[in-house]
Structure formats: structure tokens, C-alpha cells
Amino acid sequence: MTSVKPINPTASTLPMMMHTTLNQLRSLRLESMAQALEQQLTQSGLSAMSFEERFALLVDREVHGRQDRRCARLLKLARLKYPQAAIEDLDSRAGRGL
């Protein structure tokens, strides 16, 4: 019977594994999660966080990214007369009769 060696990523194989993982995330259409993972890899402080905390950040980023893209798509489809209008810009002085 042959024994199976456990996979122990070294510093030289980690970038290739991450490159593959990032490509897989993008092929699954998880672009925001891939971007968040790239960002996590460049930040040194995140290594102190647990796997669950880091994974929660990745999922949260993907959820918010999808919501942002959905809102942008719906606003574009709405064809509003003033697409950049905001409630804060409303002139509500008494003279306007609002």
C-alpha cells in the first residue's frame, strides 16, 4: 500500500495555487470575491485573522458587489430623466411650495 503525502504549499507554489484559485473564482463569475482575495493577499494584517473571518469578508464583498452591480443595471434600465439626481439636492425652500 502506498502512502499519500499531504500537500504542504511552499512559498514557490503558493502564487501558482492562488493564480489558479483566482482564475476559478472568475470563471464562476465571483469577480468581487477574486478582487477581495487579491487585496487580502497584499495586506499583511489579515494573516492574524481566522479563516472564518477572512472568508466572511470575501463573501461580504461578493454580496455587496452583486448588489452594487444590480442597482447600477436597474438604474440604467430605468432611463431616468436625471440619473445623477439625489434627494439631498432637492430645493425645499418655502417659496417653492413643497
Protein backbone atom coordinates (compact mmCIF):
# COMPACT_ATOMS: atom_id res chain seq x y z
CA MET A 1 0.00 0.00 0.00
CA THR A 2 1.34 3.43 -0.90
CA SER A 3 1.01 6.36 1.40
CA VAL A 4 -0.26 9.70 0.19
CA LYS A 5 1.83 12.72 1.03
CA PRO A 6 -0.11 15.66 2.44
CA ILE A 7 0.06 18.76 0.33
CA ASN A 8 2.15 21.39 2.03
CA PRO A 9 2.26 24.56 -0.06
CA THR A 10 5.62 26.22 -0.11
CA ALA A 11 6.34 29.83 -0.95
CA SER A 12 7.16 28.90 -4.54
CA THR A 13 3.87 27.02 -5.19
CA LEU A 14 1.55 29.39 -3.36
CA PRO A 15 1.44 32.07 -6.07
CA MET A 16 0.60 29.43 -8.71
CA MET A 17 -2.13 28.00 -6.49
CA MET A 18 -3.53 31.47 -5.89
CA HIS A 19 -3.39 32.24 -9.60
CA THR A 20 -5.42 29.09 -10.27
CA THR A 21 -7.86 29.94 -7.48
CA LEU A 22 -8.34 33.46 -8.78
CA ASN A 23 -8.99 32.14 -12.29
CA GLN A 24 -11.52 29.66 -10.91
CA LEU A 25 -13.32 32.37 -8.95
CA ARG A 26 -13.56 34.48 -12.09
CA SER A 27 -14.81 31.55 -14.15
CA LEU A 28 -17.55 31.08 -11.54
CA ARG A 29 -18.42 34.76 -12.01
CA LEU A 30 -17.26 35.69 -8.50
CA GLU A 31 -15.27 38.73 -9.61
CA SER A 32 -15.73 40.72 -6.40
CA MET A 33 -14.57 37.77 -4.33
CA ALA A 34 -11.49 37.39 -6.55
CA GLN A 35 -10.67 41.08 -6.15
CA ALA A 36 -11.11 40.84 -2.37
CA LEU A 37 -8.81 37.81 -2.22
CA GLU A 38 -6.14 39.66 -4.22
CA GLN A 39 -6.49 42.56 -1.81
CA GLN A 40 -6.20 40.24 1.20
CA LEU A 41 -3.01 38.73 -0.21
CA THR A 42 -1.37 42.16 -0.36
CA GLN A 43 -2.37 43.19 3.18
CA SER A 44 -0.13 41.89 5.94
CA GLY A 45 -2.54 42.48 8.83
CA LEU A 46 -5.12 39.98 7.61
CA SER A 47 -2.90 36.99 8.37
CA ALA A 48 -3.80 37.39 12.05
CA MET A 49 -7.48 36.80 11.25
CA SER A 50 -9.01 33.34 11.34
CA PHE A 51 -10.07 31.53 8.19
CA GLU A 52 -13.74 32.10 9.02
CA GLU A 53 -13.25 35.84 9.45
CA ARG A 54 -11.34 36.16 6.18
CA PHE A 55 -13.89 34.02 4.35
CA ALA A 56 -16.73 36.13 5.78
CA LEU A 57 -15.00 39.25 4.38
CA LEU A 58 -14.73 37.62 0.94
CA VAL A 59 -18.40 36.59 0.92
CA ASP A 60 -19.49 40.02 2.17
CA ARG A 61 -17.51 41.70 -0.60
CA GLU A 62 -19.15 39.45 -3.23
CA VAL A 63 -22.65 40.13 -1.88
CA HIS A 64 -22.11 43.88 -1.88
CA GLY A 65 -20.51 43.79 -5.31
CA ARG A 66 -23.53 41.96 -6.72
CA GLN A 67 -25.93 44.41 -5.07
CA ASP A 68 -23.99 47.37 -6.47
CA ARG A 69 -23.96 45.90 -9.98
CA ARG A 70 -27.70 45.13 -9.74
CA CYS A 71 -28.52 48.69 -8.67
CA ALA A 72 -26.37 50.14 -11.44
CA ARG A 73 -28.05 47.89 -14.01
CA LEU A 74 -31.55 48.77 -12.79
CA LEU A 75 -30.79 52.50 -12.77
CA LYS A 76 -29.52 52.24 -16.32
CA LEU A 77 -32.63 50.33 -17.42
CA ALA A 78 -34.89 52.89 -15.71
CA ARG A 79 -33.71 55.60 -18.12
CA LEU A 80 -34.32 58.33 -15.59
CA LYS A 81 -34.54 61.90 -16.80
CA TYR A 82 -31.90 62.94 -14.24
CA PRO A 83 -29.93 59.78 -13.42
CA GLN A 84 -27.46 61.59 -11.13
CA ALA A 85 -30.19 63.32 -9.08
CA ALA A 86 -30.13 62.87 -5.30
CA ILE A 87 -32.69 63.64 -2.62
CA GLU A 88 -30.10 65.85 -0.91
CA ASP A 89 -30.11 68.16 -3.95
CA LEU A 90 -33.85 68.86 -3.69
CA ASP A 91 -34.61 72.55 -3.20
CA SER A 92 -37.25 72.53 -0.44
CA ARG A 93 -37.38 76.21 0.43
CA ALA A 94 -40.77 77.59 1.49
CA GLY A 95 -41.06 79.67 -1.68
CA ARG A 96 -41.26 76.52 -3.78
CA GLY A 97 -44.48 75.41 -2.14
CA LEU A 98 -43.32 71.88 -1.43
